[in-house]
Structures are given as C-alpha cells and as structure tokens.
Amino acid sequence: MISTKGWSLDTLLELSPNFRAARRVSATSSTVSDTLKEYERKGVPLVVEGFHKHPEWPQEMFSLDSFAEASNSNGTISLSVCSTS
C-alpha cells in the first residue's frame, strides 16, 4: 500500500530536483515589490499570498457578477471586458 506517512517537505526536496522550496510573502508587505523583483531576477519560486487583502484589490473584477458578465454563452471568458481602470 502506498502512503504519505512519514513524508516531509524536506524529504521531498532532497529526493527530487523537480521540487523546490518556495518562500511566501504577503501582498500587503511593504517589501513585496522589492522581493518580487529580486526573486524574478534570480528565477526562484515565490508565493505571493493575500492579494484579496490588499487595499487596491479590485473586488468587483473578481466578483461572481463580473465573472458571469465576462463569460459568454459557450463557457469561455473574455478578458477584454475586465479592466483595472
């Protein structure tokens, strides 16, 4: 029987080159912009979390009503109707 019992993140990272640890940074952090630039320059994974808590988060753009409005009858979404203006 296959099980994940006894697995840890450190073990997965050691056993496979396909896995890399990723630092987490809050979207509301005062250093998020500099951190993004640094990690992008290095080509290192970075998880930015809490975008929905940022004061400039466009709540209406990501509402169910906006999603329905951006969807067409064949189930695809047109991003052209979503704007950040």
N, C-alpha and C. Protein backbone atom coordinates (compact mmCIF):
# COMPACT_ATOMS: atom_id res chain seq x y z
N MET A 1 0.84 -1.17 0.00
CA MET A 1 0.00 0.00 0.00
C MET A 1 0.89 1.24 0.00
N ILE A 2 0.57 2.20 -0.86
CA ILE A 2 1.32 3.44 -0.93
C ILE A 2 0.75 4.41 0.09
N SER A 3 1.64 5.08 0.79
CA SER A 3 1.21 6.01 1.83
C SER A 3 2.14 7.21 1.87
N THR A 4 1.64 8.33 2.36
CA THR A 4 2.47 9.52 2.55
C THR A 4 2.95 9.62 3.99
N LYS A 5 2.64 8.60 4.78
CA LYS A 5 3.07 8.60 6.18
C LYS A 5 4.59 8.70 6.26
N GLY A 6 5.05 9.61 7.06
CA GLY A 6 6.48 9.78 7.23
C GLY A 6 7.11 10.74 6.23
N TRP A 7 6.35 11.21 5.27
CA TRP A 7 6.88 12.17 4.31
C TRP A 7 7.00 13.53 4.96
N SER A 8 7.95 14.29 4.49
CA SER A 8 8.08 15.68 4.95
C SER A 8 8.51 16.53 3.76
N LEU A 9 8.31 17.82 3.86
CA LEU A 9 8.73 18.71 2.79
C LEU A 9 10.23 18.59 2.55
N ASP A 10 11.00 18.55 3.62
CA ASP A 10 12.45 18.43 3.47
C ASP A 10 12.84 17.17 2.72
N THR A 11 12.16 16.05 2.99
CA THR A 11 12.46 14.79 2.31
C THR A 11 12.14 14.90 0.83
N LEU A 12 10.97 15.46 0.48
CA LEU A 12 10.61 15.63 -0.93
C LEU A 12 11.62 16.50 -1.66
N LEU A 13 12.05 17.56 -1.01
CA LEU A 13 13.02 18.45 -1.64
C LEU A 13 14.36 17.76 -1.87
N GLU A 14 14.75 16.89 -0.95
CA GLU A 14 16.01 16.16 -1.08
C GLU A 14 15.94 15.09 -2.16
N LEU A 15 14.78 14.47 -2.34
CA LEU A 15 14.66 13.32 -3.23
C LEU A 15 14.45 13.66 -4.70
N SER A 16 14.03 14.87 -4.99
CA SER A 16 13.72 15.17 -6.38
C SER A 16 14.14 16.58 -6.76
N PRO A 17 14.80 16.70 -7.90
CA PRO A 17 15.15 18.04 -8.39
C PRO A 17 13.93 18.81 -8.90
N ASN A 18 12.79 18.12 -9.04
CA ASN A 18 11.56 18.76 -9.52
C ASN A 18 10.87 19.58 -8.44
N PHE A 19 11.25 19.42 -7.21
CA PHE A 19 10.63 20.15 -6.11
C PHE A 19 11.61 21.19 -5.58
N ARG A 20 11.08 22.37 -5.33
CA ARG A 20 11.89 23.45 -4.76
C ARG A 20 11.08 24.13 -3.66
N ALA A 21 11.75 24.52 -2.62
CA ALA A 21 11.07 25.27 -1.56
C ALA A 21 10.73 26.66 -2.11
N ALA A 22 9.59 27.17 -1.71
CA ALA A 22 9.19 28.50 -2.16
C ALA A 22 8.87 29.37 -0.96
N ARG A 23 9.52 30.51 -0.92
CA ARG A 23 9.25 31.48 0.14
C ARG A 23 7.85 32.07 -0.07
N ARG A 24 7.21 32.43 1.02
CA ARG A 24 5.90 33.07 0.96
C ARG A 24 6.06 34.51 1.42
N VAL A 25 5.38 35.42 0.72
CA VAL A 25 5.40 36.83 1.09
C VAL A 25 3.97 37.36 0.96
N SER A 26 3.61 38.25 1.86
CA SER A 26 2.27 38.83 1.84
C SER A 26 2.19 39.93 0.78
N ALA A 27 1.08 39.99 0.07
CA ALA A 27 0.86 41.03 -0.93
C ALA A 27 0.77 42.40 -0.28
N THR A 28 0.51 42.45 1.01
CA THR A 28 0.40 43.72 1.72
C THR A 28 1.70 44.12 2.41
N SER A 29 2.73 43.33 2.24
CA SER A 29 4.03 43.63 2.85
C SER A 29 4.63 44.89 2.21
N SER A 30 5.29 45.68 3.01
CA SER A 30 5.92 46.90 2.48
C SER A 30 7.10 46.58 1.57
N THR A 31 7.59 45.36 1.63
CA THR A 31 8.76 44.97 0.82
C THR A 31 8.39 44.06 -0.36
N VAL A 32 7.10 43.87 -0.62
CA VAL A 32 6.69 42.91 -1.64
C VAL A 32 7.24 43.27 -3.02
N SER A 33 7.26 44.53 -3.37
CA SER A 33 7.75 44.94 -4.69
C SER A 33 9.23 44.59 -4.87
N ASP A 34 10.05 44.92 -3.88
CA ASP A 34 11.47 44.60 -3.95
C ASP A 34 11.70 43.09 -3.96
N THR A 35 10.92 42.37 -3.16
CA THR A 35 11.06 40.92 -3.10
C THR A 35 10.70 40.29 -4.44
N LEU A 36 9.62 40.77 -5.07
CA LEU A 36 9.22 40.26 -6.39
C LEU A 36 10.35 40.47 -7.41
N LYS A 37 10.91 41.65 -7.43
CA LYS A 37 11.99 41.95 -8.38
C LYS A 37 13.20 41.05 -8.15
N GLU A 38 13.55 40.87 -6.88
CA GLU A 38 14.70 40.03 -6.54
C GLU A 38 14.49 38.58 -6.97
N TYR A 39 13.33 38.02 -6.65
CA TYR A 39 13.07 36.62 -6.97
C TYR A 39 12.91 36.41 -8.47
N GLU A 40 12.31 37.38 -9.16
CA GLU A 40 12.19 37.27 -10.61
C GLU A 40 13.57 37.30 -11.26
N ARG A 41 14.43 38.19 -10.77
CA ARG A 41 15.79 38.28 -11.31
C ARG A 41 16.55 36.97 -11.12
N LYS A 42 16.38 36.35 -9.95
CA LYS A 42 17.06 35.10 -9.64
C LYS A 42 16.40 33.88 -10.29
N GLY A 43 15.14 34.02 -10.71
CA GLY A 43 14.41 32.88 -11.27
C GLY A 43 14.03 31.87 -10.21
N VAL A 44 13.78 32.35 -9.00
CA VAL A 44 13.47 31.49 -7.87
C VAL A 44 11.96 31.57 -7.58
N PRO A 45 11.32 30.44 -7.25
CA PRO A 45 9.89 30.46 -6.96
C PRO A 45 9.55 31.34 -5.75
N LEU A 46 8.42 32.01 -5.83
CA LEU A 46 7.94 32.86 -4.75
C LEU A 46 6.42 32.78 -4.73
N VAL A 47 5.85 32.59 -3.56
CA VAL A 47 4.40 32.57 -3.41
C VAL A 47 3.97 33.90 -2.80
N VAL A 48 3.16 34.65 -3.54
CA VAL A 48 2.62 35.91 -3.02
C VAL A 48 1.19 35.62 -2.60
N GLU A 49 0.92 35.81 -1.32
CA GLU A 49 -0.40 35.46 -0.80
C GLU A 49 -1.11 36.68 -0.24
N GLY A 50 -2.42 36.58 -0.16
CA GLY A 50 -3.22 37.63 0.45
C GLY A 50 -3.53 38.79 -0.48
N PHE A 51 -3.50 38.56 -1.81
CA PHE A 51 -3.84 39.65 -2.73
C PHE A 51 -5.21 40.23 -2.41
N HIS A 52 -6.14 39.39 -2.01
CA HIS A 52 -7.51 39.85 -1.74
C HIS A 52 -7.58 40.77 -0.52
N LYS A 53 -6.51 40.84 0.26
CA LYS A 53 -6.47 41.71 1.43
C LYS A 53 -5.82 43.06 1.12
N HIS A 54 -5.25 43.19 -0.07
CA HIS A 54 -4.58 44.43 -0.46
C HIS A 54 -5.63 45.52 -0.67
N PRO A 55 -5.38 46.75 -0.19
CA PRO A 55 -6.37 47.82 -0.33
C PRO A 55 -6.74 48.15 -1.78
N GLU A 56 -5.86 47.86 -2.72
CA GLU A 56 -6.15 48.15 -4.13
C GLU A 56 -6.69 46.94 -4.89
N TRP A 57 -7.03 45.87 -4.18
CA TRP A 57 -7.59 44.67 -4.81
C TRP A 57 -8.92 45.04 -5.48
N PRO A 58 -9.06 44.78 -6.78
CA PRO A 58 -10.29 45.13 -7.48
C PRO A 58 -11.41 44.12 -7.20
N GLN A 59 -12.10 44.30 -6.09
CA GLN A 59 -13.11 43.34 -5.65
C GLN A 59 -14.19 43.09 -6.69
N GLU A 60 -14.64 44.14 -7.35
CA GLU A 60 -15.69 43.97 -8.36
C GLU A 60 -15.24 43.12 -9.53
N MET A 61 -13.98 43.25 -9.91
CA MET A 61 -13.47 42.48 -11.05
C MET A 61 -13.53 40.98 -10.79
N PHE A 62 -13.39 40.59 -9.52
CA PHE A 62 -13.36 39.17 -9.19
C PHE A 62 -14.63 38.70 -8.49
N SER A 63 -15.72 39.42 -8.69
CA SER A 63 -17.00 39.01 -8.11
C SER A 63 -17.68 38.00 -9.03
N LEU A 64 -18.66 37.30 -8.50
CA LEU A 64 -19.41 36.34 -9.32
C LEU A 64 -20.16 37.06 -10.44
N ASP A 65 -20.69 38.25 -10.15
CA ASP A 65 -21.40 39.00 -11.18
C ASP A 65 -20.46 39.38 -12.32
N SER A 66 -19.27 39.83 -11.99
CA SER A 66 -18.30 40.20 -13.01
C SER A 66 -17.87 38.97 -13.83
N PHE A 67 -17.72 37.85 -13.15
CA PHE A 67 -17.36 36.60 -13.84
C PHE A 67 -18.46 36.21 -14.83
N ALA A 68 -19.70 36.28 -14.39
CA ALA A 68 -20.83 35.94 -15.26
C ALA A 68 -20.91 36.90 -16.44
N GLU A 69 -20.67 38.17 -16.19
CA GLU A 69 -20.70 39.18 -17.24
C GLU A 69 -19.60 38.95 -18.27
N ALA A 70 -18.43 38.51 -17.81
CA ALA A 70 -17.29 38.28 -18.70
C ALA A 70 -17.40 36.96 -19.47
N SER A 71 -18.26 36.07 -19.01
CA SER A 71 -18.44 34.78 -19.67
C SER A 71 -19.40 34.91 -20.84
N ASN A 72 -19.15 34.16 -21.88
CA ASN A 72 -20.12 34.16 -22.98
C ASN A 72 -20.88 32.85 -22.99
N SER A 73 -21.74 32.69 -23.92
CA SER A 73 -22.65 31.54 -23.93
C SER A 73 -21.95 30.20 -24.11
N ASN A 74 -20.74 30.17 -24.69
CA ASN A 74 -20.07 28.87 -24.88
C ASN A 74 -19.13 28.53 -23.73
N GLY A 75 -19.21 29.29 -22.62
CA GLY A 75 -18.45 28.95 -21.43
C GLY A 75 -17.05 29.51 -21.37
N THR A 76 -16.65 30.31 -22.36
CA THR A 76 -15.33 30.91 -22.30
C THR A 76 -15.42 32.31 -21.69
N ILE A 77 -14.29 32.81 -21.28
CA ILE A 77 -14.24 34.11 -20.62
C ILE A 77 -13.47 35.09 -21.50
N SER A 78 -14.04 36.25 -21.68
CA SER A 78 -13.37 37.30 -22.42
C SER A 78 -12.70 38.25 -21.44
N LEU A 79 -11.37 38.26 -21.43
CA LEU A 79 -10.65 39.13 -20.51
C LEU A 79 -10.69 40.58 -20.95
N SER A 80 -11.12 40.84 -22.17
CA SER A 80 -11.16 42.21 -22.66
C SER A 80 -12.21 43.05 -21.93
N VAL A 81 -13.20 42.41 -21.33
CA VAL A 81 -14.21 43.19 -20.60
C VAL A 81 -13.76 43.49 -19.18
N CYS A 82 -12.70 42.86 -18.74
CA CYS A 82 -12.16 43.11 -17.41
C CYS A 82 -11.08 44.18 -17.52
N SER A 83 -11.27 45.27 -16.85
CA SER A 83 -10.24 46.31 -16.88
C SER A 83 -9.96 46.78 -15.48
N THR A 84 -8.80 47.33 -15.28
CA THR A 84 -8.41 47.81 -13.95
C THR A 84 -8.50 49.32 -13.87
N SER A 85 -9.15 49.96 -14.84
CA SER A 85 -9.23 51.42 -14.84
C SER A 85 -10.11 51.99 -13.76
